C-alpha cells in the first residue's frame, strides 16, 4: 500500500506540474530506460541509485547553506523495479 500511495502522489504531482510548465525548464529531466539485468546488475544499479540519492541530498544541503536565495521546490523521483511483463 505504501508504494501504491507514493506512486499515486507522484502521478498527481507530475500531472499538476505539466500545465504549470514544471517539465519545461532546461534543467528538467524525464527518461525511461528498459534494462535487462542479472542479479549482480540489479545490485549494482541499486547501489548506484542509493549513491545518486545521497548526492542529490548533498546538493540540496549545499543550496540551503547558500541561503536559499532564489531556491524553488523540485522533486526527484527514481524508480527501479521488475515489470510484470516485458516491454
C-alpha atoms as a PDB file:
ATOM      1  CA  UNK A   1       0.000   0.000   0.000  1.00  0.00           C
ATOM      2  CA  UNK A   2       2.839   2.418   0.775  1.00  0.00           C
ATOM      3  CA  UNK A   3       4.297   2.106  -2.725  1.00  0.00           C
ATOM      4  CA  UNK A   4       0.857   2.462  -4.323  1.00  0.00           C
ATOM      5  CA  UNK A   5       0.241   5.678  -2.347  1.00  0.00           C
ATOM      6  CA  UNK A   6       3.668   7.025  -3.298  1.00  0.00           C
ATOM      7  CA  UNK A   7       3.010   6.330  -6.980  1.00  0.00           C
ATOM      8  CA  UNK A   8      -0.418   7.976  -6.788  1.00  0.00           C
ATOM      9  CA  UNK A   9       1.123  11.077  -5.171  1.00  0.00           C
ATOM     10  CA  UNK A  10       3.918  11.123  -7.734  1.00  0.00           C
ATOM     11  CA  UNK A  11       1.474  10.858 -10.615  1.00  0.00           C
ATOM     12  CA  UNK A  12      -0.604  13.707  -9.187  1.00  0.00           C
ATOM     13  CA  UNK A  13       2.449  15.937  -8.704  1.00  0.00           C
ATOM     14  CA  UNK A  14       3.729  15.256 -12.219  1.00  0.00           C
ATOM     15  CA  UNK A  15       0.297  15.766 -13.767  1.00  0.00           C
ATOM     16  CA  UNK A  16      -0.104  19.096 -11.947  1.00  0.00           C
ATOM     17  CA  UNK A  17       3.393  20.208 -13.000  1.00  0.00           C
ATOM     18  CA  UNK A  18       2.706  19.773 -16.725  1.00  0.00           C
ATOM     19  CA  UNK A  19       0.306  22.681 -17.305  1.00  0.00           C
ATOM     20  CA  UNK A  20       2.301  24.861 -14.879  1.00  0.00           C
ATOM     21  CA  UNK A  21       5.444  24.452 -17.023  1.00  0.00           C
ATOM     22  CA  UNK A  22       7.224  22.339 -14.426  1.00  0.00           C
ATOM     23  CA  UNK A  23       8.554  19.984 -17.086  1.00  0.00           C
ATOM     24  CA  UNK A  24       9.640  22.737 -19.492  1.00  0.00           C
ATOM     25  CA  UNK A  25      12.818  24.043 -17.830  1.00  0.00           C
ATOM     26  CA  UNK A  26      16.143  23.139 -19.397  1.00  0.00           C
ATOM     27  CA  UNK A  27      17.055  21.575 -16.053  1.00  0.00           C
ATOM     28  CA  UNK A  28      14.069  19.207 -16.080  1.00  0.00           C
ATOM     29  CA  UNK A  29      14.747  15.589 -16.941  1.00  0.00           C
ATOM     30  CA  UNK A  30      12.368  12.775 -17.784  1.00  0.00           C
ATOM     31  CA  UNK A  31      13.536   9.458 -19.112  1.00  0.00           C
ATOM     32  CA  UNK A  32      12.592   5.835 -19.192  1.00  0.00           C
ATOM     33  CA  UNK A  33      15.026   3.018 -19.830  1.00  0.00           C
ATOM     34  CA  UNK A  34      14.340  -0.663 -20.327  1.00  0.00           C
ATOM     35  CA  UNK A  35      17.169  -2.745 -18.913  1.00  0.00           C
ATOM     36  CA  UNK A  36      17.885  -6.441 -18.864  1.00  0.00           C
ATOM     37  CA  UNK A  37      19.947  -7.132 -15.736  1.00  0.00           C
ATOM     38  CA  UNK A  38      21.195 -10.207 -13.961  1.00  0.00           C
ATOM     39  CA  UNK A  39      21.319 -10.349 -10.167  1.00  0.00           C
ATOM     40  CA  UNK A  40      24.694  -8.617  -9.977  1.00  0.00           C
ATOM     41  CA  UNK A  41      23.500  -5.924 -12.372  1.00  0.00           C
ATOM     42  CA  UNK A  42      20.390  -5.268 -10.259  1.00  0.00           C
ATOM     43  CA  UNK A  43      22.550  -4.991  -7.138  1.00  0.00           C
ATOM     44  CA  UNK A  44      24.960  -2.607  -8.882  1.00  0.00           C
ATOM     45  CA  UNK A  45      22.069  -0.477 -10.112  1.00  0.00           C
ATOM     46  CA  UNK A  46      20.548  -0.330  -6.616  1.00  0.00           C
ATOM     47  CA  UNK A  47      23.892   0.811  -5.211  1.00  0.00           C
ATOM     48  CA  UNK A  48      24.202   3.474  -7.913  1.00  0.00           C
ATOM     49  CA  UNK A  49      20.702   4.788  -7.247  1.00  0.00           C
ATOM     50  CA  UNK A  50      21.309   4.978  -3.492  1.00  0.00           C
ATOM     51  CA  UNK A  51      24.506   6.943  -4.073  1.00  0.00           C
ATOM     52  CA  UNK A  52      22.713   9.192  -6.573  1.00  0.00           C
ATOM     53  CA  UNK A  53      20.070   9.996  -3.950  1.00  0.00           C
ATOM     54  CA  UNK A  54      22.767  10.725  -1.376  1.00  0.00           C
ATOM     55  CA  UNK A  55      24.478  13.092  -3.830  1.00  0.00           C
ATOM     56  CA  UNK A  56      21.157  14.843  -4.564  1.00  0.00           C
ATOM     57  CA  UNK A  57      20.656  15.348  -0.825  1.00  0.00           C
ATOM     58  CA  UNK A  58      24.184  16.774  -0.566  1.00  0.00           C
ATOM     59  CA  UNK A  59      23.409  19.208  -3.390  1.00  0.00           C
ATOM     60  CA  UNK A  60      20.209  20.292  -1.639  1.00  0.00           C
ATOM     61  CA  UNK A  61      22.076  20.851   1.640  1.00  0.00           C
ATOM     62  CA  UNK A  62      24.662  22.981  -0.178  1.00  0.00           C
ATOM     63  CA  UNK A  63      21.839  25.009  -1.711  1.00  0.00           C
ATOM     64  CA  UNK A  64      20.330  25.567   1.743  1.00  0.00           C
ATOM     65  CA  UNK A  65      23.769  26.572   3.069  1.00  0.00           C
ATOM     66  CA  UNK A  66      23.961  29.249   0.359  1.00  0.00           C
ATOM     67  CA  UNK A  67      20.844  30.789   1.890  1.00  0.00           C
ATOM     68  CA  UNK A  68      18.141  29.503  -0.452  1.00  0.00           C
ATOM     69  CA  UNK A  69      18.274  32.731  -2.488  1.00  0.00           C
ATOM     70  CA  UNK A  70      16.069  32.067  -5.477  1.00  0.00           C
ATOM     71  CA  UNK A  71      15.558  28.437  -4.465  1.00  0.00           C
ATOM     72  CA  UNK A  72      12.444  26.801  -5.853  1.00  0.00           C
ATOM     73  CA  UNK A  73      10.850  23.487  -4.976  1.00  0.00           C
ATOM     74  CA  UNK A  74      11.887  20.479  -7.010  1.00  0.00           C
ATOM     75  CA  UNK A  75      11.090  16.822  -6.967  1.00  0.00           C
ATOM     76  CA  UNK A  76      13.423  13.930  -7.727  1.00  0.00           C
ATOM     77  CA  UNK A  77      11.865  10.578  -8.468  1.00  0.00           C
ATOM     78  CA  UNK A  78      13.793   7.428  -9.246  1.00  0.00           C
ATOM     79  CA  UNK A  79      12.064   4.139  -9.877  1.00  0.00           C
ATOM     80  CA  UNK A  80      13.735   0.827 -10.482  1.00  0.00           C
ATOM     81  CA  UNK A  81      11.597  -2.291 -10.492  1.00  0.00           C
ATOM     82  CA  UNK A  82      10.902  -5.553 -12.256  1.00  0.00           C
ATOM     83  CA  UNK A  83       7.864  -5.090 -14.529  1.00  0.00           C
ATOM     84  CA  UNK A  84       5.084  -7.646 -14.654  1.00  0.00           C
ATOM     85  CA  UNK A  85       5.744  -8.175 -18.369  1.00  0.00           C
ATOM     86  CA  UNK A  86       8.495  -7.286 -20.822  1.00  0.00           C
ATOM     87  CA  UNK A  87       8.057  -4.053 -22.802  1.00  0.00           C
END
